[in-house]
Amino acid sequence: MKLAAAAKQLIEQSGLNTKVFAEKAGLPYTTLRSMLDRGFGRSAVENVIKVCKALGITVEELEAIANGEAYEHETIAAHHDGEEWSEEELDEIEAFKKFVRSKRSEN
């Protein structure tokens, strides 16, 4: 249940509601809801990976968060000189920025 609780918290911190996050992760809403309510223990590995990818973390990082351990997230700089961003991409960037800011206030 720890993994599901950690994932639920991270989803809330991302600023996306569960339905929108499920779409982003490529999961049916009912599947995500079940995973968050019942835990990740009986979930398909592929679905857990989809949740983690949509959160921008690895399964190992989710496990560390769930166990209250510090984790080192590798950062990759992204430059967009001359690139055009879609509305969806800009929304994801803003959600990620909000998530990072929320982590800052917890420390």
PDB file of N, CA and C in Angstrom:
ATOM      1  N   MET A   1       0.828  -1.196   0.000  1.00  0.00           N
ATOM      2  CA  MET A   1       0.000   0.000   0.000  1.00  0.00           C
ATOM      3  C   MET A   1       0.867   1.253   0.000  1.00  0.00           C
ATOM      4  N   LYS A   2       2.116   1.142   0.470  1.00  0.00           N
ATOM      5  CA  LYS A   2       3.003   2.297   0.524  1.00  0.00           C
ATOM      6  C   LYS A   2       3.237   2.893  -0.865  1.00  0.00           C
ATOM      7  N   LEU A   3       3.444   2.034  -1.857  1.00  0.00           N
ATOM      8  CA  LEU A   3       3.701   2.528  -3.209  1.00  0.00           C
ATOM      9  C   LEU A   3       2.506   3.308  -3.736  1.00  0.00           C
ATOM     10  N   ALA A   4       1.315   2.779  -3.524  1.00  0.00           N
ATOM     11  CA  ALA A   4       0.107   3.447  -4.000  1.00  0.00           C
ATOM     12  C   ALA A   4      -0.078   4.789  -3.305  1.00  0.00           C
ATOM     13  N   ALA A   5       0.171   4.830  -2.006  1.00  0.00           N
ATOM     14  CA  ALA A   5       0.029   6.086  -1.262  1.00  0.00           C
ATOM     15  C   ALA A   5       1.037   7.121  -1.751  1.00  0.00           C
ATOM     16  N   ALA A   6       2.261   6.688  -2.012  1.00  0.00           N
ATOM     17  CA  ALA A   6       3.287   7.602  -2.525  1.00  0.00           C
ATOM     18  C   ALA A   6       2.908   8.104  -3.908  1.00  0.00           C
ATOM     19  N   ALA A   7       2.440   7.195  -4.764  1.00  0.00           N
ATOM     20  CA  ALA A   7       2.034   7.589  -6.115  1.00  0.00           C
ATOM     21  C   ALA A   7       0.861   8.567  -6.060  1.00  0.00           C
ATOM     22  N   LYS A   8      -0.087   8.289  -5.194  1.00  0.00           N
ATOM     23  CA  LYS A   8      -1.250   9.169  -5.062  1.00  0.00           C
ATOM     24  C   LYS A   8      -0.816  10.567  -4.649  1.00  0.00           C
ATOM     25  N   GLN A   9       0.101  10.645  -3.708  1.00  0.00           N
ATOM     26  CA  GLN A   9       0.605  11.940  -3.251  1.00  0.00           C
ATOM     27  C   GLN A   9       1.320  12.672  -4.390  1.00  0.00           C
ATOM     28  N   LEU A  10       2.142  11.961  -5.147  1.00  0.00           N
ATOM     29  CA  LEU A  10       2.865  12.582  -6.251  1.00  0.00           C
ATOM     30  C   LEU A  10       1.910  13.055  -7.351  1.00  0.00           C
ATOM     31  N   ILE A  11       0.869  12.284  -7.597  1.00  0.00           N
ATOM     32  CA  ILE A  11      -0.126  12.686  -8.601  1.00  0.00           C
ATOM     33  C   ILE A  11      -0.812  13.962  -8.148  1.00  0.00           C
ATOM     34  N   GLU A  12      -1.183  14.023  -6.879  1.00  0.00           N
ATOM     35  CA  GLU A  12      -1.821  15.233  -6.343  1.00  0.00           C
ATOM     36  C   GLU A  12      -0.883  16.427  -6.455  1.00  0.00           C
ATOM     37  N   GLN A  13       0.393  16.210  -6.145  1.00  0.00           N
ATOM     38  CA  GLN A  13       1.377  17.290  -6.216  1.00  0.00           C
ATOM     39  C   GLN A  13       1.645  17.744  -7.645  1.00  0.00           C
ATOM     40  N   SER A  14       1.374  16.880  -8.601  1.00  0.00           N
ATOM     41  CA  SER A  14       1.602  17.244 -10.001  1.00  0.00           C
ATOM     42  C   SER A  14       0.600  18.281 -10.491  1.00  0.00           C
ATOM     43  N   GLY A  15      -0.501  18.432  -9.749  1.00  0.00           N
ATOM     44  CA  GLY A  15      -1.523  19.393 -10.146  1.00  0.00           C
ATOM     45  C   GLY A  15      -2.553  18.826 -11.103  1.00  0.00           C
ATOM     46  N   LEU A  16      -2.414  17.550 -11.450  1.00  0.00           N
ATOM     47  CA  LEU A  16      -3.371  16.911 -12.349  1.00  0.00           C
ATOM     48  C   LEU A  16      -4.374  16.112 -11.532  1.00  0.00           C
ATOM     49  N   ASN A  17      -5.625  16.096 -11.987  1.00  0.00           N
ATOM     50  CA  ASN A  17      -6.571  15.218 -11.304  1.00  0.00           C
ATOM     51  C   ASN A  17      -6.333  13.786 -11.784  1.00  0.00           C
ATOM     52  N   THR A  18      -6.917  12.845 -11.101  1.00  0.00           N
ATOM     53  CA  THR A  18      -6.655  11.431 -11.381  1.00  0.00           C
ATOM     54  C   THR A  18      -7.054  11.044 -12.800  1.00  0.00           C
ATOM     55  N   LYS A  19      -8.154  11.577 -13.283  1.00  0.00           N
ATOM     56  CA  LYS A  19      -8.611  11.231 -14.632  1.00  0.00           C
ATOM     57  C   LYS A  19      -7.630  11.737 -15.690  1.00  0.00           C
ATOM     58  N   VAL A  20      -7.172  12.964 -15.549  1.00  0.00           N
ATOM     59  CA  VAL A  20      -6.218  13.533 -16.508  1.00  0.00           C
ATOM     60  C   VAL A  20      -4.884  12.789 -16.425  1.00  0.00           C
ATOM     61  N   PHE A  21      -4.465  12.468 -15.196  1.00  0.00           N
ATOM     62  CA  PHE A  21      -3.214  11.738 -15.034  1.00  0.00           C
ATOM     63  C   PHE A  21      -3.309  10.351 -15.679  1.00  0.00           C
ATOM     64  N   ALA A  22      -4.443   9.686 -15.518  1.00  0.00           N
ATOM     65  CA  ALA A  22      -4.625   8.361 -16.132  1.00  0.00           C
ATOM     66  C   ALA A  22      -4.449   8.448 -17.643  1.00  0.00           C
ATOM     67  N   GLU A  23      -5.014   9.479 -18.256  1.00  0.00           N
ATOM     68  CA  GLU A  23      -4.861   9.679 -19.699  1.00  0.00           C
ATOM     69  C   GLU A  23      -3.398   9.894 -20.053  1.00  0.00           C
ATOM     70  N   LYS A  24      -2.714  10.734 -19.276  1.00  0.00           N
ATOM     71  CA  LYS A  24      -1.295  11.006 -19.509  1.00  0.00           C
ATOM     72  C   LYS A  24      -0.476   9.726 -19.416  1.00  0.00           C
ATOM     73  N   ALA A  25      -0.824   8.862 -18.452  1.00  0.00           N
ATOM     74  CA  ALA A  25      -0.085   7.614 -18.247  1.00  0.00           C
ATOM     75  C   ALA A  25      -0.464   6.533 -19.255  1.00  0.00           C
ATOM     76  N   GLY A  26      -1.545   6.753 -19.990  1.00  0.00           N
ATOM     77  CA  GLY A  26      -1.992   5.742 -20.952  1.00  0.00           C
ATOM     78  C   GLY A  26      -2.722   4.590 -20.299  1.00  0.00           C
ATOM     79  N   LEU A  27      -3.410   4.888 -19.195  1.00  0.00           N
ATOM     80  CA  LEU A  27      -4.160   3.866 -18.459  1.00  0.00           C
ATOM     81  C   LEU A  27      -5.635   4.226 -18.424  1.00  0.00           C
ATOM     82  N   PRO A  28      -6.509   3.220 -18.411  1.00  0.00           N
ATOM     83  CA  PRO A  28      -7.912   3.519 -18.156  1.00  0.00           C
ATOM     84  C   PRO A  28      -8.050   4.105 -16.748  1.00  0.00           C
ATOM     85  N   TYR A  29      -8.943   5.060 -16.597  1.00  0.00           N
ATOM     86  CA  TYR A  29      -9.155   5.699 -15.296  1.00  0.00           C
ATOM     87  C   TYR A  29      -9.466   4.663 -14.217  1.00  0.00           C
ATOM     88  N   THR A  30     -10.312   3.694 -14.548  1.00  0.00           N
ATOM     89  CA  THR A  30     -10.711   2.689 -13.553  1.00  0.00           C
ATOM     90  C   THR A  30      -9.513   1.846 -13.094  1.00  0.00           C
ATOM     91  N   THR A  31      -8.585   1.591 -13.991  1.00  0.00           N
ATOM     92  CA  THR A  31      -7.382   0.830 -13.634  1.00  0.00           C
ATOM     93  C   THR A  31      -6.530   1.626 -12.660  1.00  0.00           C
ATOM     94  N   LEU A  32      -6.307   2.898 -12.967  1.00  0.00           N
ATOM     95  CA  LEU A  32      -5.515   3.737 -12.066  1.00  0.00           C
ATOM     96  C   LEU A  32      -6.196   3.862 -10.712  1.00  0.00           C
ATOM     97  N   ARG A  33      -7.502   4.092 -10.712  1.00  0.00           N
ATOM     98  CA  ARG A  33      -8.257   4.224  -9.456  1.00  0.00           C
ATOM     99  C   ARG A  33      -8.093   2.964  -8.605  1.00  0.00           C
ATOM    100  N   SER A  34      -8.195   1.814  -9.242  1.00  0.00           N
ATOM    101  CA  SER A  34      -8.041   0.540  -8.540  1.00  0.00           C
ATOM    102  C   SER A  34      -6.638   0.398  -7.961  1.00  0.00           C
ATOM    103  N   MET A  35      -5.630   0.780  -8.724  1.00  0.00           N
ATOM    104  CA  MET A  35      -4.254   0.695  -8.253  1.00  0.00           C
ATOM    105  C   MET A  35      -4.050   1.581  -7.024  1.00  0.00           C
ATOM    106  N   LEU A  36      -4.594   2.783  -7.066  1.00  0.00           N
ATOM    107  CA  LEU A  36      -4.407   3.721  -5.963  1.00  0.00           C
ATOM    108  C   LEU A  36      -5.204   3.318  -4.731  1.00  0.00           C
ATOM    109  N   ASP A  37      -6.377   2.735  -4.941  1.00  0.00           N
ATOM    110  CA  ASP A  37      -7.230   2.338  -3.816  1.00  0.00           C
ATOM    111  C   ASP A  37      -6.819   1.017  -3.184  1.00  0.00           C
ATOM    112  N   ARG A  38      -6.390   0.059  -4.005  1.00  0.00           N
ATOM    113  CA  ARG A  38      -6.099  -1.290  -3.509  1.00  0.00           C
ATOM    114  C   ARG A  38      -4.617  -1.592  -3.347  1.00  0.00           C
ATOM    115  N   GLY A  39      -3.785  -0.700  -3.834  1.00  0.00           N
ATOM    116  CA  GLY A  39      -2.347  -0.923  -3.758  1.00  0.00           C
ATOM    117  C   GLY A  39      -1.787  -1.463  -5.060  1.00  0.00           C
ATOM    118  N   PHE A  40      -0.478  -1.419  -5.179  1.00  0.00           N
ATOM    119  CA  PHE A  40       0.192  -1.831  -6.413  1.00  0.00           C
ATOM    120  C   PHE A  40       0.549  -3.314  -6.420  1.00  0.00           C
ATOM    121  N   GLY A  41       0.332  -3.994  -5.312  1.00  0.00           N
ATOM    122  CA  GLY A  41       0.753  -5.384  -5.156  1.00  0.00           C
ATOM    123  C   GLY A  41       0.261  -6.343  -6.220  1.00  0.00           C
ATOM    124  N   ARG A  42      -0.965  -6.178  -6.666  1.00  0.00           N
ATOM    125  CA  ARG A  42      -1.522  -7.087  -7.678  1.00  0.00           C
ATOM    126  C   ARG A  42      -1.656  -6.437  -9.046  1.00  0.00           C
ATOM    127  N   SER A  43      -1.057  -5.258  -9.184  1.00  0.00           N
ATOM    128  CA  SER A  43      -1.119  -4.543 -10.465  1.00  0.00           C
ATOM    129  C   SER A  43      -0.127  -5.145 -11.441  1.00  0.00           C
ATOM    130  N   ALA A  44      -0.448  -5.036 -12.712  1.00  0.00           N
ATOM    131  CA  ALA A  44       0.478  -5.484 -13.751  1.00  0.00           C
ATOM    132  C   ALA A  44       1.723  -4.597 -13.706  1.00  0.00           C
ATOM    133  N   VAL A  45       2.869  -5.200 -13.853  1.00  0.00           N
ATOM    134  CA  VAL A  45       4.133  -4.472 -13.826  1.00  0.00           C
ATOM    135  C   VAL A  45       4.110  -3.344 -14.856  1.00  0.00           C
ATOM    136  N   GLU A  46       3.557  -3.614 -16.021  1.00  0.00           N
ATOM    137  CA  GLU A  46       3.491  -2.608 -17.082  1.00  0.00           C
ATOM    138  C   GLU A  46       2.724  -1.375 -16.626  1.00  0.00           C
ATOM    139  N   ASN A  47       1.683  -1.573 -15.826  1.00  0.00           N
ATOM    140  CA  ASN A  47       0.888  -0.442 -15.354  1.00  0.00           C
ATOM    141  C   ASN A  47       1.642   0.376 -14.310  1.00  0.00           C
ATOM    142  N   VAL A  48       2.379  -0.292 -13.446  1.00  0.00           N
ATOM    143  CA  VAL A  48       3.190   0.418 -12.454  1.00  0.00           C
ATOM    144  C   VAL A  48       4.243   1.252 -13.176  1.00  0.00           C
ATOM    145  N   ILE A  49       4.859   0.681 -14.184  1.00  0.00           N
ATOM    146  CA  ILE A  49       5.872   1.406 -14.968  1.00  0.00           C
ATOM    147  C   ILE A  49       5.246   2.616 -15.654  1.00  0.00           C
ATOM    148  N   LYS A  50       4.042   2.467 -16.199  1.00  0.00           N
ATOM    149  CA  LYS A  50       3.365   3.590 -16.852  1.00  0.00           C
ATOM    150  C   LYS A  50       3.117   4.731 -15.871  1.00  0.00           C
ATOM    151  N   VAL A  51       2.701   4.388 -14.653  1.00  0.00           N
ATOM    152  CA  VAL A  51       2.471   5.418 -13.629  1.00  0.00           C
ATOM    153  C   VAL A  51       3.783   6.135 -13.331  1.00  0.00           C
ATOM    154  N   CYS A  52       4.841   5.384 -13.128  1.00  0.00           N
ATOM    155  CA  CYS A  52       6.136   5.984 -12.808  1.00  0.00           C
ATOM    156  C   CYS A  52       6.644   6.865 -13.948  1.00  0.00           C
ATOM    157  N   LYS A  53       6.526   6.379 -15.171  1.00  0.00           N
ATOM    158  CA  LYS A  53       6.964   7.181 -16.319  1.00  0.00           C
ATOM    159  C   LYS A  53       6.189   8.492 -16.395  1.00  0.00           C
ATOM    160  N   ALA A  54       4.895   8.429 -16.165  1.00  0.00           N
ATOM    161  CA  ALA A  54       4.075   9.640 -16.213  1.00  0.00           C
ATOM    162  C   ALA A  54       4.447  10.602 -15.084  1.00  0.00           C
ATOM    163  N   LEU A  55       4.951  10.063 -13.973  1.00  0.00           N
ATOM    164  CA  LEU A  55       5.411  10.897 -12.862  1.00  0.00           C
ATOM    165  C   LEU A  55       6.825  11.421 -13.096  1.00  0.00           C
ATOM    166  N   GLY A  56       7.508  10.836 -14.075  1.00  0.00           N
ATOM    167  CA  GLY A  56       8.874  11.256 -14.369  1.00  0.00           C
ATOM    168  C   GLY A  56       9.902  10.668 -13.413  1.00  0.00           C
ATOM    169  N   ILE A  57       9.568   9.504 -12.837  1.00  0.00           N
ATOM    170  CA  ILE A  57      10.475   8.833 -11.914  1.00  0.00           C
ATOM    171  C   ILE A  57      10.575   7.364 -12.286  1.00  0.00           C
ATOM    172  N   THR A  58      11.531   6.690 -11.673  1.00  0.00           N
ATOM    173  CA  THR A  58      11.662   5.248 -11.871  1.00  0.00           C
ATOM    174  C   THR A  58      10.878   4.521 -10.783  1.00  0.00           C
ATOM    175  N   VAL A  59      10.695   3.235 -10.975  1.00  0.00           N
ATOM    176  CA  VAL A  59      10.042   2.424  -9.956  1.00  0.00           C
ATOM    177  C   VAL A  59      10.882   2.436  -8.681  1.00  0.00           C
ATOM    178  N   GLU A  60      12.199   2.418  -8.832  1.00  0.00           N
ATOM    179  CA  GLU A  60      13.087   2.457  -7.676  1.00  0.00           C
ATOM    180  C   GLU A  60      12.914   3.758  -6.897  1.00  0.00           C
ATOM    181  N   GLU A  61      12.746   4.861  -7.610  1.00  0.00           N
ATOM    182  CA  GLU A  61      12.537   6.144  -6.942  1.00  0.00           C
ATOM    183  C   GLU A  61      11.195   6.167  -6.212  1.00  0.00           C
ATOM    184  N   LEU A  62      10.162   5.590  -6.824  1.00  0.00           N
ATOM    185  CA  LEU A  62       8.867   5.510  -6.154  1.00  0.00           C
ATOM    186  C   LEU A  62       8.988   4.689  -4.880  1.00  0.00           C
ATOM    187  N   GLU A  63       9.716   3.598  -4.952  1.00  0.00           N
ATOM    188  CA  GLU A  63       9.913   2.758  -3.774  1.00  0.00           C
ATOM    189  C   GLU A  63      10.660   3.514  -2.674  1.00  0.00           C
ATOM    190  N   ALA A  64      11.682   4.283  -3.054  1.00  0.00           N
ATOM    191  CA  ALA A  64      12.426   5.073  -2.072  1.00  0.00           C
ATOM    192  C   ALA A  64      11.518   6.114  -1.419  1.00  0.00           C
ATOM    193  N   ILE A  65      10.704   6.767  -2.215  1.00  0.00           N
ATOM    194  CA  ILE A  65       9.767   7.765  -1.690  1.00  0.00           C
ATOM    195  C   ILE A  65       8.791   7.096  -0.734  1.00  0.00           C
ATOM    196  N   ALA A  66       8.266   5.948  -1.125  1.00  0.00           N
ATOM    197  CA  ALA A  66       7.300   5.221  -0.297  1.00  0.00           C
ATOM    198  C   ALA A  66       7.906   4.810   1.045  1.00  0.00           C
ATOM    199  N   ASN A  67       9.196   4.531   1.050  1.00  0.00           N
ATOM    200  CA  ASN A  67       9.883   4.111   2.276  1.00  0.00           C
ATOM    201  C   ASN A  67      10.483   5.281   3.051  1.00  0.00           C
ATOM    202  N   GLY A  68      10.224   6.494   2.575  1.00  0.00           N
ATOM    203  CA  GLY A  68      10.723   7.675   3.264  1.00  0.00           C
ATOM    204  C   GLY A  68      12.213   7.888   3.124  1.00  0.00           C
ATOM    205  N   GLU A  69      12.795   7.263   2.119  1.00  0.00           N
ATOM    206  CA  GLU A  69      14.238   7.388   1.905  1.00  0.00           C
ATOM    207  C   GLU A  69      14.522   8.531   0.939  1.00  0.00           C
ATOM    208  N   ALA A  70      15.691   9.110   1.083  1.00  0.00           N
ATOM    209  CA  ALA A  70      16.124  10.129   0.130  1.00  0.00           C
ATOM    210  C   ALA A  70      16.495   9.422  -1.175  1.00  0.00           C
ATOM    211  N   TYR A  71      16.280  10.088  -2.251  1.00  0.00           N
ATOM    212  CA  TYR A  71      16.691   9.526  -3.533  1.00  0.00           C
ATOM    213  C   TYR A  71      17.286  10.625  -4.384  1.00  0.00           C
ATOM    214  N   GLU A  72      18.175  10.244  -5.242  1.00  0.00           N
ATOM    215  CA  GLU A  72      18.850  11.168  -6.137  1.00  0.00           C
ATOM    216  C   GLU A  72      18.231  11.031  -7.513  1.00  0.00           C
ATOM    217  N   HIS A  73      17.525  12.050  -7.933  1.00  0.00           N
ATOM    218  CA  HIS A  73      16.894  12.011  -9.252  1.00  0.00           C
ATOM    219  C   HIS A  73      17.829  12.653 -10.253  1.00  0.00           C
ATOM    220  N   GLU A  74      18.153  11.932 -11.311  1.00  0.00           N
ATOM    221  CA  GLU A  74      19.042  12.447 -12.338  1.00  0.00           C
ATOM    222  C   GLU A  74      18.301  13.489 -13.160  1.00  0.00           C
ATOM    223  N   THR A  75      18.942  14.627 -13.333  1.00  0.00           N
ATOM    224  CA  THR A  75      18.329  15.717 -14.080  1.00  0.00           C
ATOM    225  C   THR A  75      19.002  15.842 -15.432  1.00  0.00           C
ATOM    226  N   ILE A  76      18.204  16.029 -16.439  1.00  0.00           N
ATOM    227  CA  ILE A  76      18.708  16.241 -17.789  1.00  0.00           C
ATOM    228  C   ILE A  76      18.214  17.608 -18.242  1.00  0.00           C
ATOM    229  N   ALA A  77      19.138  18.452 -18.657  1.00  0.00           N
ATOM    230  CA  ALA A  77      18.753  19.783 -19.111  1.00  0.00           C
ATOM    231  C   ALA A  77      18.105  19.679 -20.492  1.00  0.00           C
ATOM    232  N   ALA A  78      17.030  20.401 -20.656  1.00  0.00           N
ATOM    233  CA  ALA A  78      16.337  20.396 -21.942  1.00  0.00           C
ATOM    234  C   ALA A  78      16.296  21.822 -22.471  1.00  0.00           C
ATOM    235  N   HIS A  79      16.878  22.030 -23.620  1.00  0.00           N
ATOM    236  CA  HIS A  79      16.866  23.340 -24.254  1.00  0.00           C
ATOM    237  C   HIS A  79      15.918  23.279 -25.436  1.00  0.00           C
ATOM    238  N   HIS A  80      15.252  24.374 -25.663  1.00  0.00           N
ATOM    239  CA  HIS A  80      14.261  24.357 -26.731  1.00  0.00           C
ATOM    240  C   HIS A  80      14.436  25.528 -27.683  1.00  0.00           C
ATOM    241  N   ASP A  81      15.688  25.857 -27.994  1.00  0.00           N
ATOM    242  CA  ASP A  81      15.949  26.945 -28.923  1.00  0.00           C
ATOM    243  C   ASP A  81      15.245  26.685 -30.243  1.00  0.00           C
ATOM    244  N   GLY A  82      14.304  27.553 -30.571  1.00  0.00           N
ATOM    245  CA  GLY A  82      13.603  27.446 -31.840  1.00  0.00           C
ATOM    246  C   GLY A  82      12.531  26.374 -31.892  1.00  0.00           C
ATOM    247  N   GLU A  83      12.316  25.640 -30.803  1.00  0.00           N
ATOM    248  CA  GLU A  83      11.300  24.592 -30.819  1.00  0.00           C
ATOM    249  C   GLU A  83       9.937  25.175 -30.521  1.00  0.00           C
ATOM    250  N   GLU A  84       8.940  24.583 -31.093  1.00  0.00           N
ATOM    251  CA  GLU A  84       7.557  24.940 -30.814  1.00  0.00           C
ATOM    252  C   GLU A  84       6.999  23.913 -29.839  1.00  0.00           C
ATOM    253  N   TRP A  85       6.264  24.357 -28.821  1.00  0.00           N
ATOM    254  CA  TRP A  85       5.679  23.472 -27.822  1.00  0.00           C
ATOM    255  C   TRP A  85       4.176  23.450 -27.999  1.00  0.00           C
ATOM    256  N   SER A  86       3.589  22.272 -27.944  1.00  0.00           N
ATOM    257  CA  SER A  86       2.134  22.158 -28.023  1.00  0.00           C
ATOM    258  C   SER A  86       1.528  22.585 -26.684  1.00  0.00           C
ATOM    259  N   GLU A  87       0.229  22.848 -26.684  1.00  0.00           N
ATOM    260  CA  GLU A  87      -0.460  23.199 -25.441  1.00  0.00           C
ATOM    261  C   GLU A  87      -0.317  22.082 -24.409  1.00  0.00           C
ATOM    262  N   GLU A  88      -0.430  20.837 -24.864  1.00  0.00           N
ATOM    263  CA  GLU A  88      -0.304  19.695 -23.952  1.00  0.00           C
ATOM    264  C   GLU A  88       1.092  19.642 -23.336  1.00  0.00           C
ATOM    265  N   GLU A  89       2.127  19.874 -24.149  1.00  0.00           N
ATOM    266  CA  GLU A  89       3.497  19.862 -23.634  1.00  0.00           C
ATOM    267  C   GLU A  89       3.714  20.998 -22.640  1.00  0.00           C
ATOM    268  N   LEU A  90       3.184  22.177 -22.942  1.00  0.00           N
ATOM    269  CA  LEU A  90       3.312  23.302 -22.020  1.00  0.00           C
ATOM    270  C   LEU A  90       2.598  23.021 -20.706  1.00  0.00           C
ATOM    271  N   ASP A  91       1.425  22.369 -20.774  1.00  0.00           N
ATOM    272  CA  ASP A  91       0.703  21.992 -19.551  1.00  0.00           C
ATOM    273  C   ASP A  91       1.525  21.014 -18.720  1.00  0.00           C
ATOM    274  N   GLU A  92       2.177  20.052 -19.385  1.00  0.00           N
ATOM    275  CA  GLU A  92       3.010  19.082 -18.671  1.00  0.00           C
ATOM    276  C   GLU A  92       4.208  19.765 -18.014  1.00  0.00           C
ATOM    277  N   ILE A  93       4.802  20.725 -18.724  1.00  0.00           N
ATOM    278  CA  ILE A  93       5.936  21.465 -18.174  1.00  0.00           C
ATOM    279  C   ILE A  93       5.498  22.239 -16.933  1.00  0.00           C
ATOM    280  N   GLU A  94       4.353  22.903 -17.015  1.00  0.00           N
ATOM    281  CA  GLU A  94       3.848  23.660 -15.870  1.00  0.00           C
ATOM    282  C   GLU A  94       3.523  22.738 -14.695  1.00  0.00           C
ATOM    283  N   ALA A  95       2.935  21.584 -14.978  1.00  0.00           N
ATOM    284  CA  ALA A  95       2.624  20.626 -13.905  1.00  0.00           C
ATOM    285  C   ALA A  95       3.909  20.145 -13.244  1.00  0.00           C
ATOM    286  N   PHE A  96       4.930  19.900 -14.039  1.00  0.00           N
ATOM    287  CA  PHE A  96       6.195  19.450 -13.484  1.00  0.00           C
ATOM    288  C   PHE A  96       6.833  20.542 -12.642  1.00  0.00           C
ATOM    289  N   LYS A  97       6.789  21.779 -13.114  1.00  0.00           N
ATOM    290  CA  LYS A  97       7.333  22.889 -12.336  1.00  0.00           C
ATOM    291  C   LYS A  97       6.611  23.012 -10.995  1.00  0.00           C
ATOM    292  N   LYS A  98       5.303  22.848 -11.012  1.00  0.00           N
ATOM    293  CA  LYS A  98       4.520  22.916  -9.776  1.00  0.00           C
ATOM    294  C   LYS A  98       4.945  21.795  -8.825  1.00  0.00           C
ATOM    295  N   PHE A  99       5.152  20.605  -9.364  1.00  0.00           N
ATOM    296  CA  PHE A  99       5.596  19.469  -8.567  1.00  0.00           C
ATOM    297  C   PHE A  99       6.953  19.760  -7.924  1.00  0.00           C
ATOM    298  N   VAL A 100       7.901  20.284  -8.703  1.00  0.00           N
ATOM    299  CA  VAL A 100       9.232  20.568  -8.181  1.00  0.00           C
ATOM    300  C   VAL A 100       9.153  21.637  -7.094  1.00  0.00           C
ATOM    301  N   ARG A 101       8.352  22.664  -7.310  1.00  0.00           N
ATOM    302  CA  ARG A 101       8.180  23.704  -6.288  1.00  0.00           C
ATOM    303  C   ARG A 101       7.611  23.126  -5.000  1.00  0.00           C
ATOM    304  N   SER A 102       6.670  22.211  -5.110  1.00  0.00           N
ATOM    305  CA  SER A 102       6.051  21.623  -3.907  1.00  0.00           C
ATOM    306  C   SER A 102       7.087  20.814  -3.126  1.00  0.00           C
ATOM    307  N   LYS A 103       7.991  20.146  -3.817  1.00  0.00           N
ATOM    308  CA  LYS A 103       9.039  19.383  -3.142  1.00  0.00           C
ATOM    309  C   LYS A 103       9.987  20.326  -2.402  1.00  0.00           C
ATOM    310  N   ARG A 104      10.217  21.510  -2.966  1.00  0.00           N
ATOM    311  CA  ARG A 104      11.080  22.507  -2.347  1.00  0.00           C
ATOM    312  C   ARG A 104      10.505  22.962  -1.012  1.00  0.00           C
ATOM    313  N   SER A 105       9.199  23.157  -0.960  1.00  0.00           N
ATOM    314  CA  SER A 105       8.564  23.657   0.264  1.00  0.00           C
ATOM    315  C   SER A 105       8.495  22.589   1.353  1.00  0.00           C
ATOM    316  N   GLU A 106       8.648  21.320   0.998  1.00  0.00           N
ATOM    317  CA  GLU A 106       8.615  20.244   1.995  1.00  0.00           C
ATOM    318  C   GLU A 106       9.921  20.153   2.773  1.00  0.00           C
ATOM    319  N   ASN A 107      11.004  20.647   2.189  1.00  0.00           N
ATOM    320  CA  ASN A 107      12.335  20.536   2.828  1.00  0.00           C
ATOM    321  C   ASN A 107      12.606  21.646   3.780  1.00  0.00           C
TER     322      ASN A 107
END
